[in-house]
């Protein structure tokens, strides 16, 4: 797998993980009891984006590492996936 392909796959995994990590620990302004004037009451009181970006990077690296090991060791081949999915008989 080339470096460019590896980076592209990691980038896609990172974005998918980001959208799963974003809701972690979110408490709305309404839940906290401190709604800023002019904002939506459901908006996060403390988004903590820096911490979430770090979590996203770590989890994405772990998922990519598992993917890479499976790919390099050929535990699951493309033909095996196609057969499992019923696309190849």
C-alpha atoms as a PDB file:
ATOM      1  CA  UNK A   1       0.000   0.000   0.000  1.00  0.00           C
ATOM      2  CA  UNK A   2       1.471   3.333  -1.010  1.00  0.00           C
ATOM      3  CA  UNK A   3       1.930   6.224   1.400  1.00  0.00           C
ATOM      4  CA  UNK A   4      -0.696   8.279  -0.435  1.00  0.00           C
ATOM      5  CA  UNK A   5      -3.256   5.473  -0.216  1.00  0.00           C
ATOM      6  CA  UNK A   6      -2.468   4.971   3.469  1.00  0.00           C
ATOM      7  CA  UNK A   7      -2.937   8.664   4.152  1.00  0.00           C
ATOM      8  CA  UNK A   8      -6.237   8.737   2.241  1.00  0.00           C
ATOM      9  CA  UNK A   9      -7.585   5.731   4.161  1.00  0.00           C
ATOM     10  CA  UNK A  10      -6.465   7.232   7.492  1.00  0.00           C
ATOM     11  CA  UNK A  11      -8.123  10.539   6.549  1.00  0.00           C
ATOM     12  CA  UNK A  12     -11.425   8.794   5.810  1.00  0.00           C
ATOM     13  CA  UNK A  13     -11.245   6.797   9.046  1.00  0.00           C
ATOM     14  CA  UNK A  14     -10.393   9.992  10.963  1.00  0.00           C
ATOM     15  CA  UNK A  15     -13.507  11.792   9.661  1.00  0.00           C
ATOM     16  CA  UNK A  16     -15.757   8.828  10.434  1.00  0.00           C
ATOM     17  CA  UNK A  17     -14.351   8.587  13.951  1.00  0.00           C
ATOM     18  CA  UNK A  18     -14.722  12.354  14.435  1.00  0.00           C
ATOM     19  CA  UNK A  19     -18.469  12.154  13.857  1.00  0.00           C
ATOM     20  CA  UNK A  20     -18.745   9.324  16.381  1.00  0.00           C
ATOM     21  CA  UNK A  21     -16.629  11.161  18.987  1.00  0.00           C
ATOM     22  CA  UNK A  22     -18.325  14.572  18.716  1.00  0.00           C
ATOM     23  CA  UNK A  23     -21.357  13.668  20.886  1.00  0.00           C
ATOM     24  CA  UNK A  24     -19.213  12.233  23.731  1.00  0.00           C
ATOM     25  CA  UNK A  25     -19.876  14.092  26.968  1.00  0.00           C
ATOM     26  CA  UNK A  26     -21.909  16.885  25.412  1.00  0.00           C
ATOM     27  CA  UNK A  27     -24.218  18.740  27.768  1.00  0.00           C
ATOM     28  CA  UNK A  28     -26.474  21.393  26.313  1.00  0.00           C
ATOM     29  CA  UNK A  29     -26.728  24.942  27.604  1.00  0.00           C
ATOM     30  CA  UNK A  30     -30.258  24.122  28.719  1.00  0.00           C
ATOM     31  CA  UNK A  31     -29.055  21.141  30.793  1.00  0.00           C
ATOM     32  CA  UNK A  32     -26.393  23.301  32.441  1.00  0.00           C
ATOM     33  CA  UNK A  33     -28.896  26.097  33.069  1.00  0.00           C
ATOM     34  CA  UNK A  34     -26.811  28.802  31.389  1.00  0.00           C
ATOM     35  CA  UNK A  35     -28.358  29.665  27.995  1.00  0.00           C
ATOM     36  CA  UNK A  36     -26.513  32.476  26.209  1.00  0.00           C
ATOM     37  CA  UNK A  37     -28.813  35.132  24.774  1.00  0.00           C
ATOM     38  CA  UNK A  38     -29.433  34.553  21.069  1.00  0.00           C
ATOM     39  CA  UNK A  39     -28.114  31.000  20.969  1.00  0.00           C
ATOM     40  CA  UNK A  40     -29.929  27.703  20.660  1.00  0.00           C
ATOM     41  CA  UNK A  41     -30.642  26.098  24.058  1.00  0.00           C
ATOM     42  CA  UNK A  42     -29.491  22.764  22.616  1.00  0.00           C
ATOM     43  CA  UNK A  43     -26.041  24.127  21.751  1.00  0.00           C
ATOM     44  CA  UNK A  44     -23.173  22.557  23.712  1.00  0.00           C
ATOM     45  CA  UNK A  45     -22.214  24.455  26.847  1.00  0.00           C
ATOM     46  CA  UNK A  46     -18.575  23.299  26.672  1.00  0.00           C
ATOM     47  CA  UNK A  47     -17.724  21.719  23.297  1.00  0.00           C
ATOM     48  CA  UNK A  48     -14.175  20.596  24.355  1.00  0.00           C
ATOM     49  CA  UNK A  49     -13.112  20.301  20.718  1.00  0.00           C
ATOM     50  CA  UNK A  50      -9.388  20.028  21.439  1.00  0.00           C
ATOM     51  CA  UNK A  51      -9.860  16.965  23.627  1.00  0.00           C
ATOM     52  CA  UNK A  52     -12.218  15.436  21.059  1.00  0.00           C
ATOM     53  CA  UNK A  53      -9.700  15.980  18.262  1.00  0.00           C
ATOM     54  CA  UNK A  54      -7.052  14.178  20.321  1.00  0.00           C
ATOM     55  CA  UNK A  55      -9.430  11.289  21.006  1.00  0.00           C
ATOM     56  CA  UNK A  56     -10.338  11.172  17.317  1.00  0.00           C
ATOM     57  CA  UNK A  57      -6.695  11.024  16.277  1.00  0.00           C
ATOM     58  CA  UNK A  58      -5.919   8.232  18.752  1.00  0.00           C
ATOM     59  CA  UNK A  59      -8.953   6.104  17.961  1.00  0.00           C
ATOM     60  CA  UNK A  60      -8.466   6.594  14.206  1.00  0.00           C
ATOM     61  CA  UNK A  61      -4.816   5.550  14.540  1.00  0.00           C
ATOM     62  CA  UNK A  62      -5.878   2.390  16.379  1.00  0.00           C
ATOM     63  CA  UNK A  63      -8.550   1.549  13.774  1.00  0.00           C
ATOM     64  CA  UNK A  64      -6.083   2.227  10.950  1.00  0.00           C
ATOM     65  CA  UNK A  65      -3.437   0.036  12.631  1.00  0.00           C
ATOM     66  CA  UNK A  66      -5.895  -2.865  12.830  1.00  0.00           C
ATOM     67  CA  UNK A  67      -6.887  -2.296   9.196  1.00  0.00           C
ATOM     68  CA  UNK A  68      -3.238  -2.176   8.120  1.00  0.00           C
ATOM     69  CA  UNK A  69      -2.279  -5.362   9.969  1.00  0.00           C
ATOM     70  CA  UNK A  70      -5.258  -7.203   8.472  1.00  0.00           C
ATOM     71  CA  UNK A  71      -4.366  -5.889   5.008  1.00  0.00           C
ATOM     72  CA  UNK A  72      -0.654  -6.715   5.198  1.00  0.00           C
ATOM     73  CA  UNK A  73      -1.127 -10.167   6.734  1.00  0.00           C
ATOM     74  CA  UNK A  74      -3.891 -10.926   4.206  1.00  0.00           C
ATOM     75  CA  UNK A  75      -6.185 -12.268   6.922  1.00  0.00           C
ATOM     76  CA  UNK A  76      -9.101 -11.033   4.815  1.00  0.00           C
ATOM     77  CA  UNK A  77      -8.640 -10.843   1.059  1.00  0.00           C
ATOM     78  CA  UNK A  78     -10.744  -8.888  -1.421  1.00  0.00           C
ATOM     79  CA  UNK A  79     -11.926 -12.156  -2.962  1.00  0.00           C
ATOM     80  CA  UNK A  80     -12.922 -13.415   0.484  1.00  0.00           C
ATOM     81  CA  UNK A  81     -14.974 -10.270   1.125  1.00  0.00           C
ATOM     82  CA  UNK A  82     -16.667 -10.553  -2.264  1.00  0.00           C
ATOM     83  CA  UNK A  83     -17.511 -14.210  -1.613  1.00  0.00           C
ATOM     84  CA  UNK A  84     -18.795 -13.384   1.861  1.00  0.00           C
ATOM     85  CA  UNK A  85     -20.991 -10.622   0.429  1.00  0.00           C
ATOM     86  CA  UNK A  86     -22.383 -12.953  -2.230  1.00  0.00           C
ATOM     87  CA  UNK A  87     -21.003 -10.931  -5.145  1.00  0.00           C
ATOM     88  CA  UNK A  88     -18.558 -13.627  -6.225  1.00  0.00           C
ATOM     89  CA  UNK A  89     -19.610 -17.231  -6.632  1.00  0.00           C
END
